[in-house]
Amino acid sequence: MDNQNIEKGKTAAITSYILIIGVLIAMSMNSENKNSFASFHIRQALGLSLTFISLGLIISNFDSPMISISMWVFLSVLWTYGIFSAINGQTKPIPLLGDYFQKWFASIS
């Protein structure tokens, strides 16, 4: 990926990490002029948002602060990794789940 492509898609890529609303905004920003860098990070952020919602729904059934805190720490670390990857212009998948997000959301470009 060339630097010009990365710079053009960086705003949409960073915006996508603002939970689910950021993903929707970034998708609309990337709808006209498709940018592969932005698309990569949109898929990563969408996967993180859906993971957050899914785990939140499952964990809400338990009344244990230890489980809740573990989920928050886990997702915060992955989110931080993803947003710093976007800021630095890298296309490294999020650890553990990033490759799956790229495969599952391949139709989002």
PDB file of N, CA and C in Angstrom:
ATOM      1  N   MET A   1       0.850  -1.175   0.000  1.00  0.00           N
ATOM      2  CA  MET A   1       0.000   0.000   0.000  1.00  0.00           C
ATOM      3  C   MET A   1       0.898   1.242   0.000  1.00  0.00           C
ATOM      4  N   ASP A   2       0.620   2.176  -0.886  1.00  0.00           N
ATOM      5  CA  ASP A   2       1.465   3.363  -0.966  1.00  0.00           C
ATOM      6  C   ASP A   2       1.043   4.427   0.053  1.00  0.00           C
ATOM      7  N   ASN A   3       1.959   5.354   0.314  1.00  0.00           N
ATOM      8  CA  ASN A   3       1.711   6.389   1.334  1.00  0.00           C
ATOM      9  C   ASN A   3       0.552   7.304   0.972  1.00  0.00           C
ATOM     10  N   GLN A   4       0.358   7.574  -0.288  1.00  0.00           N
ATOM     11  CA  GLN A   4      -0.741   8.447  -0.706  1.00  0.00           C
ATOM     12  C   GLN A   4      -2.088   7.797  -0.397  1.00  0.00           C
ATOM     13  N   ASN A   5      -2.208   6.511  -0.652  1.00  0.00           N
ATOM     14  CA  ASN A   5      -3.429   5.766  -0.354  1.00  0.00           C
ATOM     15  C   ASN A   5      -3.703   5.759   1.153  1.00  0.00           C
ATOM     16  N   ILE A   6      -2.644   5.576   1.937  1.00  0.00           N
ATOM     17  CA  ILE A   6      -2.787   5.555   3.399  1.00  0.00           C
ATOM     18  C   ILE A   6      -3.246   6.916   3.907  1.00  0.00           C
ATOM     19  N   GLU A   7      -2.626   7.978   3.418  1.00  0.00           N
ATOM     20  CA  GLU A   7      -2.986   9.328   3.885  1.00  0.00           C
ATOM     21  C   GLU A   7      -4.427   9.689   3.516  1.00  0.00           C
ATOM     22  N   LYS A   8      -4.877   9.262   2.340  1.00  0.00           N
ATOM     23  CA  LYS A   8      -6.253   9.549   1.925  1.00  0.00           C
ATOM     24  C   LYS A   8      -7.269   8.819   2.790  1.00  0.00           C
ATOM     25  N   GLY A   9      -6.929   7.616   3.246  1.00  0.00           N
ATOM     26  CA  GLY A   9      -7.874   6.813   4.017  1.00  0.00           C
ATOM     27  C   GLY A   9      -7.721   6.910   5.516  1.00  0.00           C
ATOM     28  N   LYS A  10      -6.724   7.677   5.981  1.00  0.00           N
ATOM     29  CA  LYS A  10      -6.423   7.720   7.412  1.00  0.00           C
ATOM     30  C   LYS A  10      -7.566   8.303   8.236  1.00  0.00           C
ATOM     31  N   THR A  11      -8.230   9.333   7.762  1.00  0.00           N
ATOM     32  CA  THR A  11      -9.328   9.947   8.515  1.00  0.00           C
ATOM     33  C   THR A  11     -10.475   8.965   8.714  1.00  0.00           C
ATOM     34  N   ALA A  12     -10.852   8.281   7.667  1.00  0.00           N
ATOM     35  CA  ALA A  12     -11.930   7.294   7.778  1.00  0.00           C
ATOM     36  C   ALA A  12     -11.509   6.132   8.665  1.00  0.00           C
ATOM     37  N   ALA A  13     -10.239   5.733   8.570  1.00  0.00           N
ATOM     38  CA  ALA A  13      -9.746   4.617   9.377  1.00  0.00           C
ATOM     39  C   ALA A  13      -9.799   4.953  10.865  1.00  0.00           C
ATOM     40  N   ILE A  14      -9.357   6.133  11.225  1.00  0.00           N
ATOM     41  CA  ILE A  14      -9.362   6.542  12.638  1.00  0.00           C
ATOM     42  C   ILE A  14     -10.797   6.739  13.122  1.00  0.00           C
ATOM     43  N   THR A  15     -11.635   7.326  12.293  1.00  0.00           N
ATOM     44  CA  THR A  15     -13.036   7.556  12.666  1.00  0.00           C
ATOM     45  C   THR A  15     -13.762   6.247  12.943  1.00  0.00           C
ATOM     46  N   SER A  16     -13.398   5.207  12.246  1.00  0.00           N
ATOM     47  CA  SER A  16     -14.101   3.926  12.384  1.00  0.00           C
ATOM     48  C   SER A  16     -13.987   3.335  13.785  1.00  0.00           C
ATOM     49  N   TYR A  17     -12.992   3.730  14.544  1.00  0.00           N
ATOM     50  CA  TYR A  17     -12.801   3.164  15.880  1.00  0.00           C
ATOM     51  C   TYR A  17     -13.628   3.858  16.960  1.00  0.00           C
ATOM     52  N   ILE A  18     -14.521   4.762  16.589  1.00  0.00           N
ATOM     53  CA  ILE A  18     -15.411   5.413  17.557  1.00  0.00           C
ATOM     54  C   ILE A  18     -16.686   4.571  17.665  1.00  0.00           C
ATOM     55  N   LEU A  19     -16.541   3.422  18.252  1.00  0.00           N
ATOM     56  CA  LEU A  19     -17.612   2.436  18.434  1.00  0.00           C
ATOM     57  C   LEU A  19     -18.458   2.287  17.172  1.00  0.00           C
ATOM     58  N   ILE A  20     -19.695   1.926  17.318  1.00  0.00           N
ATOM     59  CA  ILE A  20     -20.511   1.567  16.155  1.00  0.00           C
ATOM     60  C   ILE A  20     -20.862   2.795  15.300  1.00  0.00           C
ATOM     61  N   ILE A  21     -21.053   3.953  15.921  1.00  0.00           N
ATOM     62  CA  ILE A  21     -21.394   5.158  15.150  1.00  0.00           C
ATOM     63  C   ILE A  21     -20.224   5.577  14.268  1.00  0.00           C
ATOM     64  N   GLY A  22     -19.007   5.399  14.765  1.00  0.00           N
ATOM     65  CA  GLY A  22     -17.823   5.714  13.965  1.00  0.00           C
ATOM     66  C   GLY A  22     -17.686   4.809  12.768  1.00  0.00           C
ATOM     67  N   VAL A  23     -18.048   3.550  12.941  1.00  0.00           N
ATOM     68  CA  VAL A  23     -18.007   2.594  11.824  1.00  0.00           C
ATOM     69  C   VAL A  23     -18.981   3.038  10.736  1.00  0.00           C
ATOM     70  N   LEU A  24     -20.166   3.435  11.143  1.00  0.00           N
ATOM     71  CA  LEU A  24     -21.165   3.876  10.155  1.00  0.00           C
ATOM     72  C   LEU A  24     -20.724   5.151   9.443  1.00  0.00           C
ATOM     73  N   ILE A  25     -20.147   6.086  10.188  1.00  0.00           N
ATOM     74  CA  ILE A  25     -19.649   7.324   9.569  1.00  0.00           C
ATOM     75  C   ILE A  25     -18.509   7.012   8.606  1.00  0.00           C
ATOM     76  N   ALA A  26     -17.582   6.158   9.038  1.00  0.00           N
ATOM     77  CA  ALA A  26     -16.441   5.802   8.180  1.00  0.00           C
ATOM     78  C   ALA A  26     -16.899   5.063   6.922  1.00  0.00           C
ATOM     79  N   MET A  27     -17.909   4.226   7.054  1.00  0.00           N
ATOM     80  CA  MET A  27     -18.435   3.518   5.879  1.00  0.00           C
ATOM     81  C   MET A  27     -19.008   4.507   4.873  1.00  0.00           C
ATOM     82  N   SER A  28     -19.700   5.533   5.365  1.00  0.00           N
ATOM     83  CA  SER A  28     -20.244   6.531   4.442  1.00  0.00           C
ATOM     84  C   SER A  28     -19.131   7.396   3.839  1.00  0.00           C
ATOM     85  N   MET A  29     -18.074   7.650   4.627  1.00  0.00           N
ATOM     86  CA  MET A  29     -16.936   8.418   4.100  1.00  0.00           C
ATOM     87  C   MET A  29     -16.208   7.630   3.003  1.00  0.00           C
ATOM     88  N   ASN A  30     -16.211   6.321   3.121  1.00  0.00           N
ATOM     89  CA  ASN A  30     -15.477   5.461   2.193  1.00  0.00           C
ATOM     90  C   ASN A  30     -16.356   4.910   1.067  1.00  0.00           C
ATOM     91  N   SER A  31     -17.620   5.314   1.032  1.00  0.00           N
ATOM     92  CA  SER A  31     -18.546   4.722   0.059  1.00  0.00           C
ATOM     93  C   SER A  31     -18.289   5.168  -1.372  1.00  0.00           C
ATOM     94  N   GLU A  32     -17.940   6.423  -1.571  1.00  0.00           N
ATOM     95  CA  GLU A  32     -17.753   6.911  -2.931  1.00  0.00           C
ATOM     96  C   GLU A  32     -16.397   6.514  -3.501  1.00  0.00           C
ATOM     97  N   ASN A  33     -15.358   6.965  -2.851  1.00  0.00           N
ATOM     98  CA  ASN A  33     -13.999   6.651  -3.292  1.00  0.00           C
ATOM     99  C   ASN A  33     -13.442   5.566  -2.381  1.00  0.00           C
ATOM    100  N   LYS A  34     -13.523   4.339  -2.837  1.00  0.00           N
ATOM    101  CA  LYS A  34     -13.066   3.201  -2.025  1.00  0.00           C
ATOM    102  C   LYS A  34     -11.569   3.311  -1.762  1.00  0.00           C
ATOM    103  N   ASN A  35     -11.199   3.166  -0.504  1.00  0.00           N
ATOM    104  CA  ASN A  35      -9.806   3.197  -0.097  1.00  0.00           C
ATOM    105  C   ASN A  35      -9.509   1.912   0.663  1.00  0.00           C
ATOM    106  N   SER A  36      -8.527   1.163   0.207  1.00  0.00           N
ATOM    107  CA  SER A  36      -8.247  -0.147   0.808  1.00  0.00           C
ATOM    108  C   SER A  36      -7.755  -0.038   2.251  1.00  0.00           C
ATOM    109  N   PHE A  37      -7.012   1.022   2.574  1.00  0.00           N
ATOM    110  CA  PHE A  37      -6.545   1.223   3.944  1.00  0.00           C
ATOM    111  C   PHE A  37      -7.731   1.478   4.870  1.00  0.00           C
ATOM    112  N   ALA A  38      -8.626   2.359   4.463  1.00  0.00           N
ATOM    113  CA  ALA A  38      -9.812   2.664   5.269  1.00  0.00           C
ATOM    114  C   ALA A  38     -10.703   1.429   5.387  1.00  0.00           C
ATOM    115  N   SER A  39     -10.865   0.687   4.309  1.00  0.00           N
ATOM    116  CA  SER A  39     -11.697  -0.519   4.340  1.00  0.00           C
ATOM    117  C   SER A  39     -11.154  -1.542   5.326  1.00  0.00           C
ATOM    118  N   PHE A  40      -9.835  -1.705   5.346  1.00  0.00           N
ATOM    119  CA  PHE A  40      -9.214  -2.639   6.288  1.00  0.00           C
ATOM    120  C   PHE A  40      -9.588  -2.272   7.729  1.00  0.00           C
ATOM    121  N   HIS A  41      -9.443  -0.996   8.070  1.00  0.00           N
ATOM    122  CA  HIS A  41      -9.709  -0.573   9.446  1.00  0.00           C
ATOM    123  C   HIS A  41     -11.206  -0.523   9.761  1.00  0.00           C
ATOM    124  N   ILE A  42     -12.029  -0.285   8.768  1.00  0.00           N
ATOM    125  CA  ILE A  42     -13.476  -0.342   8.984  1.00  0.00           C
ATOM    126  C   ILE A  42     -13.886  -1.764   9.358  1.00  0.00           C
ATOM    127  N   ARG A  43     -13.336  -2.748   8.661  1.00  0.00           N
ATOM    128  CA  ARG A  43     -13.636  -4.140   8.995  1.00  0.00           C
ATOM    129  C   ARG A  43     -13.154  -4.496  10.404  1.00  0.00           C
ATOM    130  N   GLN A  44     -11.969  -4.019  10.765  1.00  0.00           N
ATOM    131  CA  GLN A  44     -11.442  -4.281  12.107  1.00  0.00           C
ATOM    132  C   GLN A  44     -12.325  -3.633  13.178  1.00  0.00           C
ATOM    133  N   ALA A  45     -12.692  -2.390  12.961  1.00  0.00           N
ATOM    134  CA  ALA A  45     -13.500  -1.660  13.947  1.00  0.00           C
ATOM    135  C   ALA A  45     -14.913  -2.228  14.041  1.00  0.00           C
ATOM    136  N   LEU A  46     -15.482  -2.629  12.920  1.00  0.00           N
ATOM    137  CA  LEU A  46     -16.808  -3.248  12.943  1.00  0.00           C
ATOM    138  C   LEU A  46     -16.768  -4.536  13.751  1.00  0.00           C
ATOM    139  N   GLY A  47     -15.753  -5.340  13.530  1.00  0.00           N
ATOM    140  CA  GLY A  47     -15.598  -6.571  14.297  1.00  0.00           C
ATOM    141  C   GLY A  47     -15.453  -6.296  15.790  1.00  0.00           C
ATOM    142  N   LEU A  48     -14.665  -5.283  16.142  1.00  0.00           N
ATOM    143  CA  LEU A  48     -14.508  -4.925  17.554  1.00  0.00           C
ATOM    144  C   LEU A  48     -15.824  -4.457  18.164  1.00  0.00           C
ATOM    145  N   SER A  49     -16.559  -3.643  17.438  1.00  0.00           N
ATOM    146  CA  SER A  49     -17.839  -3.147  17.946  1.00  0.00           C
ATOM    147  C   SER A  49     -18.831  -4.278  18.160  1.00  0.00           C
ATOM    148  N   LEU A  50     -18.913  -5.185  17.202  1.00  0.00           N
ATOM    149  CA  LEU A  50     -19.829  -6.322  17.338  1.00  0.00           C
ATOM    150  C   LEU A  50     -19.381  -7.266  18.456  1.00  0.00           C
ATOM    151  N   THR A  51     -18.078  -7.427  18.631  1.00  0.00           N
ATOM    152  CA  THR A  51     -17.555  -8.240  19.732  1.00  0.00           C
ATOM    153  C   THR A  51     -17.905  -7.607  21.061  1.00  0.00           C
ATOM    154  N   PHE A  52     -17.773  -6.280  21.141  1.00  0.00           N
ATOM    155  CA  PHE A  52     -18.111  -5.557  22.371  1.00  0.00           C
ATOM    156  C   PHE A  52     -19.582  -5.749  22.735  1.00  0.00           C
ATOM    157  N   ILE A  53     -20.443  -5.581  21.749  1.00  0.00           N
ATOM    158  CA  ILE A  53     -21.889  -5.725  21.996  1.00  0.00           C
ATOM    159  C   ILE A  53     -22.224  -7.167  22.370  1.00  0.00           C
ATOM    160  N   SER A  54     -21.656  -8.121  21.645  1.00  0.00           N
ATOM    161  CA  SER A  54     -21.946  -9.534  21.915  1.00  0.00           C
ATOM    162  C   SER A  54     -21.468  -9.957  23.301  1.00  0.00           C
ATOM    163  N   LEU A  55     -20.224  -9.639  23.614  1.00  0.00           N
ATOM    164  CA  LEU A  55     -19.707  -9.993  24.937  1.00  0.00           C
ATOM    165  C   LEU A  55     -20.464  -9.265  26.043  1.00  0.00           C
ATOM    166  N   GLY A  56     -20.828  -8.018  25.783  1.00  0.00           N
ATOM    167  CA  GLY A  56     -21.600  -7.262  26.772  1.00  0.00           C
ATOM    168  C   GLY A  56     -22.939  -7.906  27.067  1.00  0.00           C
ATOM    169  N   LEU A  57     -23.606  -8.385  26.034  1.00  0.00           N
ATOM    170  CA  LEU A  57     -24.896  -9.058  26.239  1.00  0.00           C
ATOM    171  C   LEU A  57     -24.735 -10.363  27.011  1.00  0.00           C
ATOM    172  N   ILE A  58     -23.687 -11.095  26.700  1.00  0.00           N
ATOM    173  CA  ILE A  58     -23.456 -12.371  27.391  1.00  0.00           C
ATOM    174  C   ILE A  58     -23.039 -12.134  28.840  1.00  0.00           C
ATOM    175  N   ILE A  59     -22.115 -11.225  29.033  1.00  0.00           N
ATOM    176  CA  ILE A  59     -21.566 -10.993  30.374  1.00  0.00           C
ATOM    177  C   ILE A  59     -22.552 -10.270  31.276  1.00  0.00           C
ATOM    178  N   SER A  60     -23.513  -9.564  30.718  1.00  0.00           N
ATOM    179  CA  SER A  60     -24.493  -8.859  31.555  1.00  0.00           C
ATOM    180  C   SER A  60     -25.346  -9.827  32.366  1.00  0.00           C
ATOM    181  N   ASN A  61     -25.376 -11.091  31.958  1.00  0.00           N
ATOM    182  CA  ASN A  61     -26.130 -12.092  32.711  1.00  0.00           C
ATOM    183  C   ASN A  61     -25.429 -12.504  33.994  1.00  0.00           C
ATOM    184  N   PHE A  62     -24.143 -12.237  34.078  1.00  0.00           N
ATOM    185  CA  PHE A  62     -23.385 -12.562  35.271  1.00  0.00           C
ATOM    186  C   PHE A  62     -23.261 -11.318  36.137  1.00  0.00           C
ATOM    187  N   ASP A  63     -23.307 -11.497  37.422  1.00  0.00           N
ATOM    188  CA  ASP A  63     -23.198 -10.354  38.325  1.00  0.00           C
ATOM    189  C   ASP A  63     -21.824 -10.385  38.997  1.00  0.00           C
ATOM    190  N   SER A  64     -20.786 -10.408  38.161  1.00  0.00           N
ATOM    191  CA  SER A  64     -19.428 -10.500  38.675  1.00  0.00           C
ATOM    192  C   SER A  64     -18.579  -9.357  38.117  1.00  0.00           C
ATOM    193  N   PRO A  65     -18.099  -8.495  38.990  1.00  0.00           N
ATOM    194  CA  PRO A  65     -17.235  -7.409  38.510  1.00  0.00           C
ATOM    195  C   PRO A  65     -15.948  -7.924  37.866  1.00  0.00           C
ATOM    196  N   MET A  66     -15.457  -9.062  38.325  1.00  0.00           N
ATOM    197  CA  MET A  66     -14.233  -9.620  37.764  1.00  0.00           C
ATOM    198  C   MET A  66     -14.403  -9.950  36.278  1.00  0.00           C
ATOM    199  N   ILE A  67     -15.528 -10.530  35.916  1.00  0.00           N
ATOM    200  CA  ILE A  67     -15.781 -10.876  34.518  1.00  0.00           C
ATOM    201  C   ILE A  67     -15.954  -9.609  33.687  1.00  0.00           C
ATOM    202  N   SER A  68     -16.691  -8.642  34.210  1.00  0.00           N
ATOM    203  CA  SER A  68     -16.922  -7.392  33.486  1.00  0.00           C
ATOM    204  C   SER A  68     -15.625  -6.624  33.268  1.00  0.00           C
ATOM    205  N   ILE A  69     -14.817  -6.542  34.294  1.00  0.00           N
ATOM    206  CA  ILE A  69     -13.551  -5.808  34.178  1.00  0.00           C
ATOM    207  C   ILE A  69     -12.632  -6.503  33.180  1.00  0.00           C
ATOM    208  N   SER A  70     -12.628  -7.819  33.200  1.00  0.00           N
ATOM    209  CA  SER A  70     -11.800  -8.570  32.248  1.00  0.00           C
ATOM    210  C   SER A  70     -12.214  -8.272  30.811  1.00  0.00           C
ATOM    211  N   MET A  71     -13.507  -8.216  30.558  1.00  0.00           N
ATOM    212  CA  MET A  71     -13.990  -7.909  29.219  1.00  0.00           C
ATOM    213  C   MET A  71     -13.558  -6.502  28.807  1.00  0.00           C
ATOM    214  N   TRP A  72     -13.722  -5.539  29.684  1.00  0.00           N
ATOM    215  CA  TRP A  72     -13.359  -4.154  29.378  1.00  0.00           C
ATOM    216  C   TRP A  72     -11.864  -4.023  29.099  1.00  0.00           C
ATOM    217  N   VAL A  73     -11.041  -4.676  29.899  1.00  0.00           N
ATOM    218  CA  VAL A  73      -9.595  -4.606  29.686  1.00  0.00           C
ATOM    219  C   VAL A  73      -9.228  -5.259  28.349  1.00  0.00           C
ATOM    220  N   PHE A  74      -9.775  -6.440  28.079  1.00  0.00           N
ATOM    221  CA  PHE A  74      -9.501  -7.161  26.841  1.00  0.00           C
ATOM    222  C   PHE A  74      -9.857  -6.309  25.626  1.00  0.00           C
ATOM    223  N   LEU A  75     -11.052  -5.756  25.606  1.00  0.00           N
ATOM    224  CA  LEU A  75     -11.485  -4.973  24.445  1.00  0.00           C
ATOM    225  C   LEU A  75     -10.771  -3.629  24.364  1.00  0.00           C
ATOM    226  N   SER A  76     -10.426  -3.044  25.500  1.00  0.00           N
ATOM    227  CA  SER A  76      -9.683  -1.774  25.492  1.00  0.00           C
ATOM    228  C   SER A  76      -8.293  -1.960  24.890  1.00  0.00           C
ATOM    229  N   VAL A  77      -7.648  -3.062  25.224  1.00  0.00           N
ATOM    230  CA  VAL A  77      -6.321  -3.340  24.659  1.00  0.00           C
ATOM    231  C   VAL A  77      -6.425  -3.533  23.146  1.00  0.00           C
ATOM    232  N   LEU A  78      -7.415  -4.297  22.693  1.00  0.00           N
ATOM    233  CA  LEU A  78      -7.589  -4.510  21.254  1.00  0.00           C
ATOM    234  C   LEU A  78      -7.937  -3.211  20.535  1.00  0.00           C
ATOM    235  N   TRP A  79      -8.787  -2.392  21.150  1.00  0.00           N
ATOM    236  CA  TRP A  79      -9.175  -1.111  20.553  1.00  0.00           C
ATOM    237  C   TRP A  79      -7.954  -0.194  20.438  1.00  0.00           C
ATOM    238  N   THR A  80      -7.154  -0.135  21.496  1.00  0.00           N
ATOM    239  CA  THR A  80      -5.949   0.700  21.484  1.00  0.00           C
ATOM    240  C   THR A  80      -4.988   0.240  20.395  1.00  0.00           C
ATOM    241  N   TYR A  81      -4.813  -1.055  20.281  1.00  0.00           N
ATOM    242  CA  TYR A  81      -3.951  -1.607  19.239  1.00  0.00           C
ATOM    243  C   TYR A  81      -4.460  -1.197  17.856  1.00  0.00           C
ATOM    244  N   GLY A  82      -5.757  -1.319  17.641  1.00  0.00           N
ATOM    245  CA  GLY A  82      -6.335  -0.990  16.338  1.00  0.00           C
ATOM    246  C   GLY A  82      -6.219   0.476  15.987  1.00  0.00           C
ATOM    247  N   ILE A  83      -6.526   1.347  16.922  1.00  0.00           N
ATOM    248  CA  ILE A  83      -6.501   2.787  16.608  1.00  0.00           C
ATOM    249  C   ILE A  83      -5.065   3.277  16.409  1.00  0.00           C
ATOM    250  N   PHE A  84      -4.119   2.748  17.174  1.00  0.00           N
ATOM    251  CA  PHE A  84      -2.738   3.162  16.969  1.00  0.00           C
ATOM    252  C   PHE A  84      -2.183   2.602  15.653  1.00  0.00           C
ATOM    253  N   SER A  85      -2.660   1.462  15.251  1.00  0.00           N
ATOM    254  CA  SER A  85      -2.287   0.923  13.951  1.00  0.00           C
ATOM    255  C   SER A  85      -2.792   1.842  12.834  1.00  0.00           C
ATOM    256  N   ALA A  86      -4.006   2.348  12.981  1.00  0.00           N
ATOM    257  CA  ALA A  86      -4.567   3.276  11.989  1.00  0.00           C
ATOM    258  C   ALA A  86      -3.815   4.603  11.992  1.00  0.00           C
ATOM    259  N   ILE A  87      -3.500   5.113  13.173  1.00  0.00           N
ATOM    260  CA  ILE A  87      -2.779   6.390  13.274  1.00  0.00           C
ATOM    261  C   ILE A  87      -1.398   6.285  12.637  1.00  0.00           C
ATOM    262  N   ASN A  88      -0.720   5.155  12.843  1.00  0.00           N
ATOM    263  CA  ASN A  88       0.628   4.961  12.317  1.00  0.00           C
ATOM    264  C   ASN A  88       0.646   4.517  10.857  1.00  0.00           C
ATOM    265  N   GLY A  89      -0.516   4.336  10.243  1.00  0.00           N
ATOM    266  CA  GLY A  89      -0.580   3.974   8.832  1.00  0.00           C
ATOM    267  C   GLY A  89      -0.243   2.524   8.566  1.00  0.00           C
ATOM    268  N   GLN A  90      -0.503   1.658   9.531  1.00  0.00           N
ATOM    269  CA  GLN A  90      -0.197   0.236   9.378  1.00  0.00           C
ATOM    270  C   GLN A  90      -1.483  -0.553   9.161  1.00  0.00           C
ATOM    271  N   THR A  91      -1.352  -1.684   8.497  1.00  0.00           N
ATOM    272  CA  THR A  91      -2.504  -2.574   8.302  1.00  0.00           C
ATOM    273  C   THR A  91      -2.238  -3.909   8.986  1.00  0.00           C
ATOM    274  N   LYS A  92      -1.939  -3.838  10.278  1.00  0.00           N
ATOM    275  CA  LYS A  92      -1.741  -5.053  11.066  1.00  0.00           C
ATOM    276  C   LYS A  92      -3.078  -5.447  11.684  1.00  0.00           C
ATOM    277  N   PRO A  93      -3.498  -6.695  11.499  1.00  0.00           N
ATOM    278  CA  PRO A  93      -4.767  -7.126  12.097  1.00  0.00           C
ATOM    279  C   PRO A  93      -4.689  -7.124  13.624  1.00  0.00           C
ATOM    280  N   ILE A  94      -5.821  -6.909  14.244  1.00  0.00           N
ATOM    281  CA  ILE A  94      -5.918  -6.933  15.702  1.00  0.00           C
ATOM    282  C   ILE A  94      -5.579  -8.345  16.176  1.00  0.00           C
ATOM    283  N   PRO A  95      -4.783  -8.477  17.247  1.00  0.00           N
ATOM    284  CA  PRO A  95      -4.418  -9.823  17.723  1.00  0.00           C
ATOM    285  C   PRO A  95      -5.652 -10.670  18.040  1.00  0.00           C
ATOM    286  N   LEU A  96      -5.539 -11.944  17.818  1.00  0.00           N
ATOM    287  CA  LEU A  96      -6.546 -12.968  18.085  1.00  0.00           C
ATOM    288  C   LEU A  96      -7.719 -12.939  17.109  1.00  0.00           C
ATOM    289  N   LEU A  97      -8.310 -11.803  16.866  1.00  0.00           N
ATOM    290  CA  LEU A  97      -9.558 -11.740  16.114  1.00  0.00           C
ATOM    291  C   LEU A  97      -9.461 -11.043  14.756  1.00  0.00           C
ATOM    292  N   GLY A  98      -8.425 -10.275  14.526  1.00  0.00           N
ATOM    293  CA  GLY A  98      -8.331  -9.443  13.330  1.00  0.00           C
ATOM    294  C   GLY A  98      -8.417 -10.188  12.019  1.00  0.00           C
ATOM    295  N   ASP A  99      -7.753 -11.336  11.942  1.00  0.00           N
ATOM    296  CA  ASP A  99      -7.816 -12.113  10.699  1.00  0.00           C
ATOM    297  C   ASP A  99      -9.233 -12.624  10.429  1.00  0.00           C
ATOM    298  N   TYR A 100      -9.933 -12.994  11.492  1.00  0.00           N
ATOM    299  CA  TYR A 100     -11.326 -13.434  11.344  1.00  0.00           C
ATOM    300  C   TYR A 100     -12.205 -12.276  10.872  1.00  0.00           C
ATOM    301  N   PHE A 101     -11.999 -11.086  11.427  1.00  0.00           N
ATOM    302  CA  PHE A 101     -12.790  -9.927  11.011  1.00  0.00           C
ATOM    303  C   PHE A 101     -12.591  -9.643   9.526  1.00  0.00           C
ATOM    304  N   GLN A 102     -11.349  -9.750   9.049  1.00  0.00           N
ATOM    305  CA  GLN A 102     -11.076  -9.508   7.630  1.00  0.00           C
ATOM    306  C   GLN A 102     -11.788 -10.533   6.753  1.00  0.00           C
ATOM    307  N   LYS A 103     -11.833 -11.770   7.206  1.00  0.00           N
ATOM    308  CA  LYS A 103     -12.474 -12.836   6.436  1.00  0.00           C
ATOM    309  C   LYS A 103     -14.002 -12.702   6.483  1.00  0.00           C
ATOM    310  N   TRP A 104     -14.556 -12.480   7.675  1.00  0.00           N
ATOM    311  CA  TRP A 104     -16.007 -12.420   7.845  1.00  0.00           C
ATOM    312  C   TRP A 104     -16.622 -11.201   7.147  1.00  0.00           C
ATOM    313  N   PHE A 105     -15.913 -10.076   7.168  1.00  0.00           N
ATOM    314  CA  PHE A 105     -16.460  -8.847   6.611  1.00  0.00           C
ATOM    315  C   PHE A 105     -15.779  -8.476   5.300  1.00  0.00           C
ATOM    316  N   ALA A 106     -15.352  -9.474   4.545  1.00  0.00           N
ATOM    317  CA  ALA A 106     -14.645  -9.241   3.284  1.00  0.00           C
ATOM    318  C   ALA A 106     -15.497  -8.473   2.271  1.00  0.00           C
ATOM    319  N   SER A 107     -16.803  -8.588   2.392  1.00  0.00           N
ATOM    320  CA  SER A 107     -17.667  -7.886   1.427  1.00  0.00           C
ATOM    321  C   SER A 107     -17.730  -6.385   1.677  1.00  0.00           C
ATOM    322  N   ILE A 108     -17.285  -5.948   2.846  1.00  0.00           N
ATOM    323  CA  ILE A 108     -17.254  -4.513   3.154  1.00  0.00           C
ATOM    324  C   ILE A 108     -15.945  -3.951   2.603  1.00  0.00           C
ATOM    325  N   SER A 109     -16.092  -3.068   1.627  1.00  0.00           N
ATOM    326  CA  SER A 109     -14.884  -2.497   1.044  1.00  0.00           C
ATOM    327  C   SER A 109     -14.985  -0.997   0.945  1.00  0.00           C
TER     328      SER A 109
END
